[in-house]
Amino acid sequence: MKLKEVREASGHTQESLVNQIQTYMECSLRHYQNIEYGKKIPTMPLGLLICKLCKVDPNEIDEWKINGDMSNS
């Protein structure tokens, strides 16, 4: 799922999600929008917090999936 779809499915607007995030760490609305629009990648703590607040597994976020075959890693 796209991050926007995940956020909307959890009943959040961008503003309401950012307000919840800000109880734990700094995150401006503009920064969150850049993450959602694919212009920025969140830090691991922020990405995990977004997933926790939206009640989704981080592996379900399309923008954060690893592309390519990792069987040779």
N, C-alpha and C. Protein backbone atom coordinates (compact mmCIF):
# COMPACT_ATOMS: atom_id res chain seq x y z
N MET A 1 0.84 -1.19 0.00
CA MET A 1 0.00 0.00 0.00
C MET A 1 0.88 1.25 0.00
N LYS A 2 0.36 2.27 -0.61
CA LYS A 2 1.04 3.56 -0.57
C LYS A 2 0.85 4.17 0.81
N LEU A 3 1.82 4.98 1.24
CA LEU A 3 1.75 5.60 2.56
C LEU A 3 0.47 6.42 2.70
N LYS A 4 0.08 7.15 1.66
CA LYS A 4 -1.14 7.94 1.72
C LYS A 4 -2.35 7.04 1.98
N GLU A 5 -2.42 5.90 1.30
CA GLU A 5 -3.53 4.97 1.50
C GLU A 5 -3.56 4.43 2.92
N VAL A 6 -2.38 4.11 3.44
CA VAL A 6 -2.27 3.61 4.81
C VAL A 6 -2.78 4.66 5.80
N ARG A 7 -2.32 5.90 5.61
CA ARG A 7 -2.73 6.99 6.50
C ARG A 7 -4.24 7.18 6.45
N GLU A 8 -4.80 7.23 5.24
CA GLU A 8 -6.23 7.44 5.10
C GLU A 8 -7.03 6.27 5.67
N ALA A 9 -6.55 5.04 5.47
CA ALA A 9 -7.23 3.86 6.00
C ALA A 9 -7.25 3.86 7.52
N SER A 10 -6.24 4.50 8.13
CA SER A 10 -6.20 4.56 9.59
C SER A 10 -7.02 5.73 10.14
N GLY A 11 -7.63 6.51 9.24
CA GLY A 11 -8.51 7.59 9.68
C GLY A 11 -7.80 8.90 9.98
N HIS A 12 -6.56 9.03 9.54
CA HIS A 12 -5.78 10.24 9.81
C HIS A 12 -5.76 11.17 8.61
N THR A 13 -5.76 12.46 8.90
CA THR A 13 -5.36 13.44 7.91
C THR A 13 -3.85 13.62 8.08
N GLN A 14 -3.20 14.30 7.16
CA GLN A 14 -1.78 14.57 7.34
C GLN A 14 -1.57 15.33 8.65
N GLU A 15 -2.41 16.31 8.90
CA GLU A 15 -2.26 17.15 10.09
C GLU A 15 -2.46 16.35 11.38
N SER A 16 -3.48 15.49 11.41
CA SER A 16 -3.73 14.73 12.64
C SER A 16 -2.61 13.74 12.92
N LEU A 17 -2.06 13.14 11.86
CA LEU A 17 -0.96 12.20 12.05
C LEU A 17 0.28 12.93 12.55
N VAL A 18 0.59 14.06 11.96
CA VAL A 18 1.75 14.85 12.39
C VAL A 18 1.57 15.28 13.85
N ASN A 19 0.37 15.66 14.23
CA ASN A 19 0.14 16.05 15.63
C ASN A 19 0.44 14.89 16.57
N GLN A 20 0.07 13.67 16.19
CA GLN A 20 0.38 12.51 17.02
C GLN A 20 1.87 12.23 17.03
N ILE A 21 2.51 12.33 15.88
CA ILE A 21 3.95 12.11 15.80
C ILE A 21 4.68 13.07 16.73
N GLN A 22 4.23 14.32 16.76
CA GLN A 22 4.92 15.35 17.55
C GLN A 22 4.85 15.10 19.05
N THR A 23 3.99 14.21 19.52
CA THR A 23 4.00 13.87 20.94
C THR A 23 5.21 13.00 21.28
N TYR A 24 5.83 12.41 20.25
CA TYR A 24 6.99 11.54 20.45
C TYR A 24 8.30 12.13 19.95
N MET A 25 8.23 12.87 18.82
CA MET A 25 9.45 13.41 18.23
C MET A 25 9.09 14.59 17.32
N GLU A 26 10.11 15.33 16.91
CA GLU A 26 9.90 16.47 16.03
C GLU A 26 9.60 15.99 14.61
N CYS A 27 8.58 16.57 14.02
CA CYS A 27 8.25 16.30 12.62
C CYS A 27 7.30 17.40 12.16
N SER A 28 7.73 18.17 11.19
CA SER A 28 6.86 19.23 10.68
C SER A 28 5.89 18.63 9.65
N LEU A 29 4.82 19.34 9.42
CA LEU A 29 3.87 18.90 8.40
C LEU A 29 4.56 18.82 7.05
N ARG A 30 5.39 19.80 6.73
CA ARG A 30 6.10 19.82 5.45
C ARG A 30 7.00 18.58 5.32
N HIS A 31 7.71 18.22 6.39
CA HIS A 31 8.58 17.04 6.34
C HIS A 31 7.76 15.78 6.10
N TYR A 32 6.65 15.65 6.82
CA TYR A 32 5.80 14.48 6.61
C TYR A 32 5.28 14.44 5.17
N GLN A 33 4.84 15.59 4.65
CA GLN A 33 4.35 15.64 3.28
C GLN A 33 5.43 15.20 2.30
N ASN A 34 6.66 15.62 2.53
CA ASN A 34 7.76 15.20 1.66
C ASN A 34 7.97 13.69 1.72
N ILE A 35 7.77 13.10 2.89
CA ILE A 35 7.86 11.64 3.02
C ILE A 35 6.73 10.99 2.24
N GLU A 36 5.53 11.48 2.43
CA GLU A 36 4.37 10.88 1.76
C GLU A 36 4.45 11.04 0.24
N TYR A 37 5.01 12.15 -0.25
CA TYR A 37 5.12 12.38 -1.68
C TYR A 37 6.35 11.70 -2.28
N GLY A 38 7.15 11.00 -1.45
CA GLY A 38 8.31 10.28 -1.94
C GLY A 38 9.54 11.13 -2.17
N LYS A 39 9.54 12.36 -1.66
CA LYS A 39 10.69 13.24 -1.82
C LYS A 39 11.75 13.00 -0.75
N LYS A 40 11.34 12.45 0.38
CA LYS A 40 12.25 12.16 1.50
C LYS A 40 11.96 10.76 2.01
N ILE A 41 12.97 10.15 2.59
CA ILE A 41 12.81 8.86 3.27
C ILE A 41 12.93 9.15 4.77
N PRO A 42 12.00 8.64 5.57
CA PRO A 42 12.07 8.94 7.01
C PRO A 42 13.22 8.21 7.68
N THR A 43 13.64 8.75 8.81
CA THR A 43 14.59 8.00 9.64
C THR A 43 13.89 6.73 10.12
N MET A 44 14.65 5.77 10.54
CA MET A 44 14.03 4.53 11.00
C MET A 44 13.06 4.77 12.16
N PRO A 45 13.45 5.54 13.20
CA PRO A 45 12.49 5.76 14.29
C PRO A 45 11.19 6.43 13.80
N LEU A 46 11.30 7.39 12.90
CA LEU A 46 10.11 8.07 12.41
C LEU A 46 9.26 7.12 11.56
N GLY A 47 9.88 6.36 10.70
CA GLY A 47 9.14 5.40 9.88
C GLY A 47 8.41 4.38 10.72
N LEU A 48 9.08 3.87 11.75
CA LEU A 48 8.44 2.89 12.64
C LEU A 48 7.30 3.52 13.42
N LEU A 49 7.47 4.77 13.83
CA LEU A 49 6.41 5.46 14.56
C LEU A 49 5.20 5.68 13.66
N ILE A 50 5.43 6.10 12.44
CA ILE A 50 4.32 6.28 11.49
C ILE A 50 3.55 4.97 11.35
N CYS A 51 4.27 3.88 11.20
CA CYS A 51 3.63 2.57 11.06
C CYS A 51 2.86 2.18 12.32
N LYS A 52 3.43 2.45 13.46
CA LYS A 52 2.75 2.13 14.72
C LYS A 52 1.45 2.93 14.84
N LEU A 53 1.52 4.22 14.54
CA LEU A 53 0.33 5.07 14.66
C LEU A 53 -0.73 4.71 13.64
N CYS A 54 -0.31 4.21 12.48
CA CYS A 54 -1.26 3.81 11.43
C CYS A 54 -1.62 2.33 11.50
N LYS A 55 -1.01 1.63 12.46
CA LYS A 55 -1.28 0.21 12.67
C LYS A 55 -1.03 -0.62 11.40
N VAL A 56 0.18 -0.48 10.87
CA VAL A 56 0.57 -1.22 9.67
C VAL A 56 2.00 -1.72 9.82
N ASP A 57 2.28 -2.85 9.22
CA ASP A 57 3.63 -3.40 9.19
C ASP A 57 4.47 -2.55 8.23
N PRO A 58 5.67 -2.14 8.62
CA PRO A 58 6.52 -1.34 7.73
C PRO A 58 6.77 -2.00 6.37
N ASN A 59 6.75 -3.32 6.33
CA ASN A 59 6.96 -4.03 5.06
C ASN A 59 5.81 -3.86 4.08
N GLU A 60 4.70 -3.31 4.55
CA GLU A 60 3.53 -3.11 3.69
C GLU A 60 3.56 -1.78 2.95
N ILE A 61 4.49 -0.89 3.31
CA ILE A 61 4.57 0.44 2.69
C ILE A 61 5.34 0.32 1.38
N ASP A 62 4.66 0.54 0.26
CA ASP A 62 5.28 0.38 -1.06
C ASP A 62 6.54 1.22 -1.22
N GLU A 63 6.50 2.46 -0.77
CA GLU A 63 7.64 3.36 -0.97
C GLU A 63 8.89 2.91 -0.23
N TRP A 64 8.73 2.05 0.77
CA TRP A 64 9.87 1.64 1.59
C TRP A 64 10.36 0.23 1.28
N LYS A 65 9.76 -0.42 0.29
CA LYS A 65 10.18 -1.76 -0.05
C LYS A 65 11.49 -1.73 -0.79
N ILE A 66 12.30 -2.76 -0.57
CA ILE A 66 13.58 -2.90 -1.25
C ILE A 66 13.34 -3.56 -2.59
N ASN A 67 13.86 -2.94 -3.64
CA ASN A 67 13.71 -3.48 -4.99
C ASN A 67 14.89 -4.39 -5.32
N GLY A 68 14.64 -5.38 -6.12
CA GLY A 68 15.71 -6.24 -6.57
C GLY A 68 15.79 -7.55 -5.81
N ASP A 69 16.62 -8.43 -6.30
CA ASP A 69 16.81 -9.76 -5.72
C ASP A 69 17.87 -9.67 -4.63
N MET A 70 17.49 -10.02 -3.42
CA MET A 70 18.44 -9.96 -2.30
C MET A 70 18.96 -11.35 -1.94
N SER A 71 18.72 -12.36 -2.79
CA SER A 71 19.16 -13.71 -2.46
C SER A 71 20.67 -13.86 -2.47
N ASN A 72 21.39 -12.94 -3.12
CA ASN A 72 22.85 -13.00 -3.17
C ASN A 72 23.51 -12.16 -2.10
N SER A 73 22.74 -11.62 -1.18
CA SER A 73 23.30 -10.73 -0.15
C SER A 73 23.93 -11.50 0.96
